[in-house]
């Protein structure tokens, strides 16, 4: 059995799609998942994430959580200060491991670019002041993401979740001090740019995740994803790397462990 950390999932949305949280976690344990990070995407889900962490963490599987505001949740932007207050109120909670997910998303609508950037600046400022990593969502916004993170390079740090760009972009983000996290997309047949990034980046700069219930890897593509399936992301990583599988597993686990401990690989 592997030792794996799913660094990004949405247990609450998985449950909405028909799989109870308790069963999802039982499945995860059977597949060697030792820790997961439950992600907040708005004020309500961030509060819920904290509750899930408190209710379901045990000796076999610990549930961490984040507090954030997804860039497509524009109706939540006026609640930015409430979300920042929630972060500050829970800063001593060791299971609060990150601010996020936050970021830039131009896929559906790029009319809110300036608004998204303003909100992201606020959370990146908080990352620096609180020494709390960020979880960055970036879709169809590679150039602006790199540019904005560069402005905060001496303060904010964290992870680019569900990476969907190419190796040159990944290299720029790693050079800024960010982990690159790979989801089930890594195992899609047509994901060659993403696979090239996973092949070429230093192992010390990478994490794995599910983003469940979204983006299930083969053989479950098109179906509901869950934390247990992080195993298939790891196995795809084995096929892309030249290092022994045991070394890949160990380094990815240690990277993920550092992330849950509010550390970035370049801050050691």
Protein backbone atom coordinates (compact mmCIF):
# COMPACT_ATOMS: atom_id res chain seq x y z
CA UNK A 1 0.00 0.00 0.00
CA UNK A 2 1.23 3.48 -0.83
CA UNK A 3 1.51 6.45 1.53
CA UNK A 4 -0.25 9.37 -0.14
CA UNK A 5 -1.58 12.83 0.67
CA UNK A 6 -4.42 14.26 -1.41
CA UNK A 7 -3.55 17.96 -1.26
CA UNK A 8 -6.81 19.23 -2.77
CA UNK A 9 -10.35 17.85 -2.60
CA UNK A 10 -13.94 18.91 -1.94
CA UNK A 11 -15.56 16.34 0.36
CA UNK A 12 -18.69 18.47 0.66
CA UNK A 13 -19.27 18.53 -3.09
CA UNK A 14 -18.49 14.81 -3.31
CA UNK A 15 -21.26 14.27 -0.77
CA UNK A 16 -23.64 16.45 -2.78
CA UNK A 17 -22.96 14.11 -5.70
CA UNK A 18 -23.95 11.04 -3.72
CA UNK A 19 -20.96 9.71 -1.76
CA UNK A 20 -21.11 10.29 1.99
CA UNK A 21 -18.02 11.84 3.58
CA UNK A 22 -17.50 8.90 5.94
CA UNK A 23 -17.56 6.43 3.04
CA UNK A 24 -15.26 8.61 0.95
CA UNK A 25 -12.74 8.60 3.79
CA UNK A 26 -13.05 4.85 4.32
CA UNK A 27 -12.30 4.34 0.64
CA UNK A 28 -9.33 6.69 0.91
CA UNK A 29 -7.84 4.75 3.82
CA UNK A 30 -8.04 1.51 1.84
CA UNK A 31 -5.99 3.13 -0.94
CA UNK A 32 -3.26 4.41 1.38
CA UNK A 33 -4.35 8.03 1.73
CA UNK A 34 -2.93 9.34 5.01
CA UNK A 35 -4.01 12.99 4.87
CA UNK A 36 -6.27 15.13 2.73
CA UNK A 37 -6.84 18.87 2.39
CA UNK A 38 -10.48 19.96 2.27
CA UNK A 39 -10.63 23.17 0.25
CA UNK A 40 -12.75 26.23 0.95
CA UNK A 41 -14.08 28.10 -2.10
CA UNK A 42 -16.22 30.73 -0.36
CA UNK A 43 -17.15 31.82 3.15
CA UNK A 44 -19.75 29.11 3.74
CA UNK A 45 -17.66 26.25 2.37
CA UNK A 46 -14.62 27.45 4.33
CA UNK A 47 -16.59 27.26 7.57
CA UNK A 48 -17.80 23.84 6.49
CA UNK A 49 -14.22 22.77 5.73
CA UNK A 50 -13.16 23.53 9.29
CA UNK A 51 -16.10 21.51 10.59
CA UNK A 52 -15.22 18.52 8.41
CA UNK A 53 -11.65 18.65 9.70
CA UNK A 54 -12.85 18.63 13.30
CA UNK A 55 -15.39 15.84 12.76
CA UNK A 56 -13.50 13.38 10.59
CA UNK A 57 -9.80 13.56 11.47
CA UNK A 58 -8.50 10.44 13.20
CA UNK A 59 -5.27 8.52 13.73
CA UNK A 60 -5.49 6.84 10.32
CA UNK A 61 -6.40 9.84 8.19
CA UNK A 62 -6.10 13.50 9.12
CA UNK A 63 -8.28 16.09 7.40
CA UNK A 64 -6.70 19.51 6.94
CA UNK A 65 -8.54 22.49 5.48
CA UNK A 66 -8.15 25.80 3.73
CA UNK A 67 -10.12 29.05 3.76
CA UNK A 68 -10.54 30.92 0.51
CA UNK A 69 -12.56 32.55 -2.25
CA UNK A 70 -12.58 30.93 -5.69
CA UNK A 71 -12.10 33.46 -8.51
CA UNK A 72 -15.36 32.45 -10.20
CA UNK A 73 -17.32 33.05 -6.99
CA UNK A 74 -17.58 36.77 -7.76
CA UNK A 75 -20.69 37.11 -5.60
CA UNK A 76 -18.40 36.25 -2.67
CA UNK A 77 -15.92 39.04 -3.36
CA UNK A 78 -17.79 41.55 -1.14
CA UNK A 79 -17.26 39.05 1.71
CA UNK A 80 -13.48 39.28 1.28
CA UNK A 81 -12.97 40.92 4.68
CA UNK A 82 -15.15 38.32 6.40
CA UNK A 83 -13.09 35.55 4.81
CA UNK A 84 -9.84 37.23 5.83
CA UNK A 85 -11.19 37.58 9.38
CA UNK A 86 -12.05 33.87 9.42
CA UNK A 87 -8.45 33.10 8.43
CA UNK A 88 -7.05 35.28 11.22
CA UNK A 89 -9.44 33.80 13.79
CA UNK A 90 -8.23 30.27 12.98
CA UNK A 91 -4.54 30.96 12.41
CA UNK A 92 -3.55 28.94 15.50
CA UNK A 93 -5.48 25.89 14.29
CA UNK A 94 -2.79 23.53 13.00
CA UNK A 95 -5.23 21.90 10.60
CA UNK A 96 -5.70 25.20 8.78
CA UNK A 97 -2.92 24.71 6.26
CA UNK A 98 -3.60 27.28 3.54
CA UNK A 99 -5.44 30.27 2.13
CA UNK A 100 -7.42 29.20 -0.91
CA UNK A 101 -8.44 28.34 -3.27
CA UNK A 102 -7.92 31.78 -4.72
CA UNK A 103 -6.60 32.98 -8.05
CA UNK A 104 -7.53 33.99 -11.58
CA UNK A 105 -10.01 32.33 -13.94
CA UNK A 106 -10.77 33.79 -17.37
CA UNK A 107 -12.30 30.66 -18.88
CA UNK A 108 -15.96 31.59 -18.51
CA UNK A 109 -15.73 35.38 -18.37
CA UNK A 110 -12.75 37.73 -18.45
CA UNK A 111 -14.78 40.85 -17.68
CA UNK A 112 -13.88 40.60 -13.99
CA UNK A 113 -10.09 40.51 -14.50
CA UNK A 114 -9.37 43.64 -12.46
CA UNK A 115 -11.80 42.57 -9.73
CA UNK A 116 -10.22 39.11 -9.49
CA UNK A 117 -6.72 40.61 -9.34
CA UNK A 118 -7.71 42.99 -6.54
CA UNK A 119 -9.12 40.15 -4.43
CA UNK A 120 -6.08 37.98 -5.12
CA UNK A 121 -3.72 40.77 -4.06
CA UNK A 122 -5.52 40.93 -0.70
CA UNK A 123 -5.12 37.23 -0.03
CA UNK A 124 -1.48 37.21 -1.15
CA UNK A 125 -0.82 40.07 1.28
CA UNK A 126 -2.40 37.94 4.01
CA UNK A 127 -0.19 34.99 3.05
CA UNK A 128 2.91 37.08 3.65
CA UNK A 129 1.71 38.57 6.91
CA UNK A 130 0.44 35.28 8.36
CA UNK A 131 3.10 32.95 6.88
CA UNK A 132 0.28 30.80 5.51
CA UNK A 133 0.60 29.20 2.06
CA UNK A 134 -1.84 30.00 -0.72
CA UNK A 135 -3.61 27.55 -3.02
CA UNK A 136 -3.73 29.17 -6.45
CA UNK A 137 -6.38 28.37 -9.05
CA UNK A 138 -5.34 29.57 -12.51
CA UNK A 139 -7.32 28.89 -15.68
CA UNK A 140 -6.67 30.60 -19.01
CA UNK A 141 -4.67 33.17 -17.06
CA UNK A 142 -1.07 31.96 -17.12
CA UNK A 143 0.63 35.25 -17.95
CA UNK A 144 -1.34 37.31 -15.44
CA UNK A 145 -0.89 34.66 -12.74
CA UNK A 146 2.89 34.65 -13.14
CA UNK A 147 2.99 38.46 -13.22
CA UNK A 148 0.84 38.91 -10.13
CA UNK A 149 2.64 36.25 -8.10
CA UNK A 150 5.93 37.84 -9.08
CA UNK A 151 4.78 41.07 -7.41
CA UNK A 152 4.46 39.14 -4.14
CA UNK A 153 7.48 36.85 -4.58
CA UNK A 154 9.23 37.94 -1.37
CA UNK A 155 6.09 37.44 0.74
CA UNK A 156 3.49 34.96 -0.48
CA UNK A 157 4.21 31.28 -1.16
CA UNK A 158 2.23 28.12 -1.80
CA UNK A 159 0.96 25.81 -4.53
CA UNK A 160 -0.44 26.08 -8.04
CA UNK A 161 -3.22 23.54 -7.83
CA UNK A 162 -4.47 21.39 -10.73
CA UNK A 163 -1.73 22.60 -13.06
CA UNK A 164 -2.92 22.84 -16.69
CA UNK A 165 -0.24 24.85 -18.49
CA UNK A 166 3.11 23.84 -20.03
CA UNK A 167 6.63 23.25 -18.75
CA UNK A 168 7.97 26.79 -19.38
CA UNK A 169 5.10 28.23 -17.33
CA UNK A 170 5.65 25.66 -14.60
CA UNK A 171 9.35 26.56 -14.48
CA UNK A 172 8.52 30.25 -14.00
CA UNK A 173 6.18 29.41 -11.13
CA UNK A 174 8.67 27.06 -9.48
CA UNK A 175 11.31 29.78 -9.76
CA UNK A 176 8.92 32.03 -7.82
CA UNK A 177 8.87 29.42 -5.05
CA UNK A 178 5.61 27.61 -5.75
CA UNK A 179 4.82 23.93 -5.70
CA UNK A 180 3.14 22.59 -8.84
CA UNK A 181 0.29 20.20 -8.05
CA UNK A 182 -0.87 17.62 -10.57
CA UNK A 183 -4.41 16.24 -10.67
CA UNK A 184 -6.00 13.37 -12.56
CA UNK A 185 -5.56 15.37 -15.78
CA UNK A 186 -1.95 14.16 -15.67
CA UNK A 187 -3.18 10.72 -16.72
CA UNK A 188 -5.34 11.94 -19.63
CA UNK A 189 -3.98 10.76 -23.00
CA UNK A 190 -4.02 14.24 -24.55
CA UNK A 191 -2.32 16.01 -21.61
CA UNK A 192 1.15 16.02 -23.16
CA UNK A 193 2.14 19.54 -22.05
CA UNK A 194 1.22 18.72 -18.46
CA UNK A 195 3.02 15.40 -18.60
CA UNK A 196 6.15 17.13 -19.93
CA UNK A 197 6.08 19.46 -16.94
CA UNK A 198 5.82 16.47 -14.59
CA UNK A 199 8.76 14.83 -16.35
CA UNK A 200 11.07 17.85 -16.27
CA UNK A 201 10.36 19.63 -12.98
CA UNK A 202 12.40 18.71 -9.91
CA UNK A 203 10.49 16.23 -7.78
CA UNK A 204 11.00 18.50 -4.78
CA UNK A 205 8.72 21.08 -6.37
CA UNK A 206 5.70 18.84 -7.02
CA UNK A 207 2.54 17.67 -5.26
CA UNK A 208 -0.39 15.47 -6.30
CA UNK A 209 -4.13 15.88 -5.75
CA UNK A 210 -7.54 14.78 -6.98
CA UNK A 211 -9.60 18.01 -7.01
CA UNK A 212 -12.39 15.52 -6.34
CA UNK A 213 -15.18 15.17 -7.29
CA UNK A 214 -13.83 16.67 -10.51
CA UNK A 215 -11.28 15.36 -13.04
CA UNK A 216 -11.22 11.67 -12.17
CA UNK A 217 -8.17 9.93 -13.67
CA UNK A 218 -8.44 6.84 -15.87
CA UNK A 219 -9.93 4.30 -15.39
CA UNK A 220 -12.65 6.47 -13.84
CA UNK A 221 -12.55 9.42 -16.25
CA UNK A 222 -15.96 11.01 -16.63
CA UNK A 223 -17.17 9.63 -13.30
CA UNK A 224 -17.20 11.12 -9.81
CA UNK A 225 -13.71 11.50 -8.42
CA UNK A 226 -12.74 10.87 -4.78
CA UNK A 227 -9.55 11.08 -2.65
CA UNK A 228 -8.87 7.34 -3.01
CA UNK A 229 -8.07 7.96 -6.68
CA UNK A 230 -4.95 9.97 -5.85
CA UNK A 231 -3.34 6.54 -6.18
CA UNK A 232 -3.79 6.68 -9.96
CA UNK A 233 -2.20 10.12 -10.18
CA UNK A 234 0.79 8.76 -8.27
CA UNK A 235 1.05 5.73 -10.55
CA UNK A 236 0.97 7.96 -13.64
CA UNK A 237 3.78 9.97 -12.08
CA UNK A 238 5.76 6.72 -11.69
CA UNK A 239 5.50 6.16 -15.44
CA UNK A 240 6.80 9.66 -16.23
CA UNK A 241 9.78 9.81 -13.89
CA UNK A 242 13.19 8.17 -14.16
CA UNK A 243 13.65 7.81 -10.39
CA UNK A 244 12.65 4.56 -8.63
CA UNK A 245 8.96 4.46 -7.76
CA UNK A 246 9.69 4.30 -4.04
CA UNK A 247 11.73 7.50 -4.27
CA UNK A 248 8.99 9.29 -6.22
CA UNK A 249 6.40 8.22 -3.66
CA UNK A 250 8.56 9.30 -0.72
CA UNK A 251 9.47 12.71 -2.10
CA UNK A 252 5.92 13.55 -3.16
CA UNK A 253 4.65 12.50 0.26
CA UNK A 254 7.26 14.59 2.06
CA UNK A 255 6.50 17.60 -0.14
CA UNK A 256 2.81 17.25 0.63
CA UNK A 257 3.54 16.85 4.33
CA UNK A 258 5.52 20.11 4.30
CA UNK A 259 2.61 21.83 2.61
CA UNK A 260 0.18 20.71 5.31
CA UNK A 261 2.72 22.01 7.84
CA UNK A 262 2.57 25.47 6.19
CA UNK A 263 5.97 25.17 4.59
CA UNK A 264 7.23 25.62 1.04
CA UNK A 265 10.08 23.57 -0.32
CA UNK A 266 12.35 26.59 -0.80
CA UNK A 267 11.77 27.88 2.75
CA UNK A 268 13.68 25.06 4.51
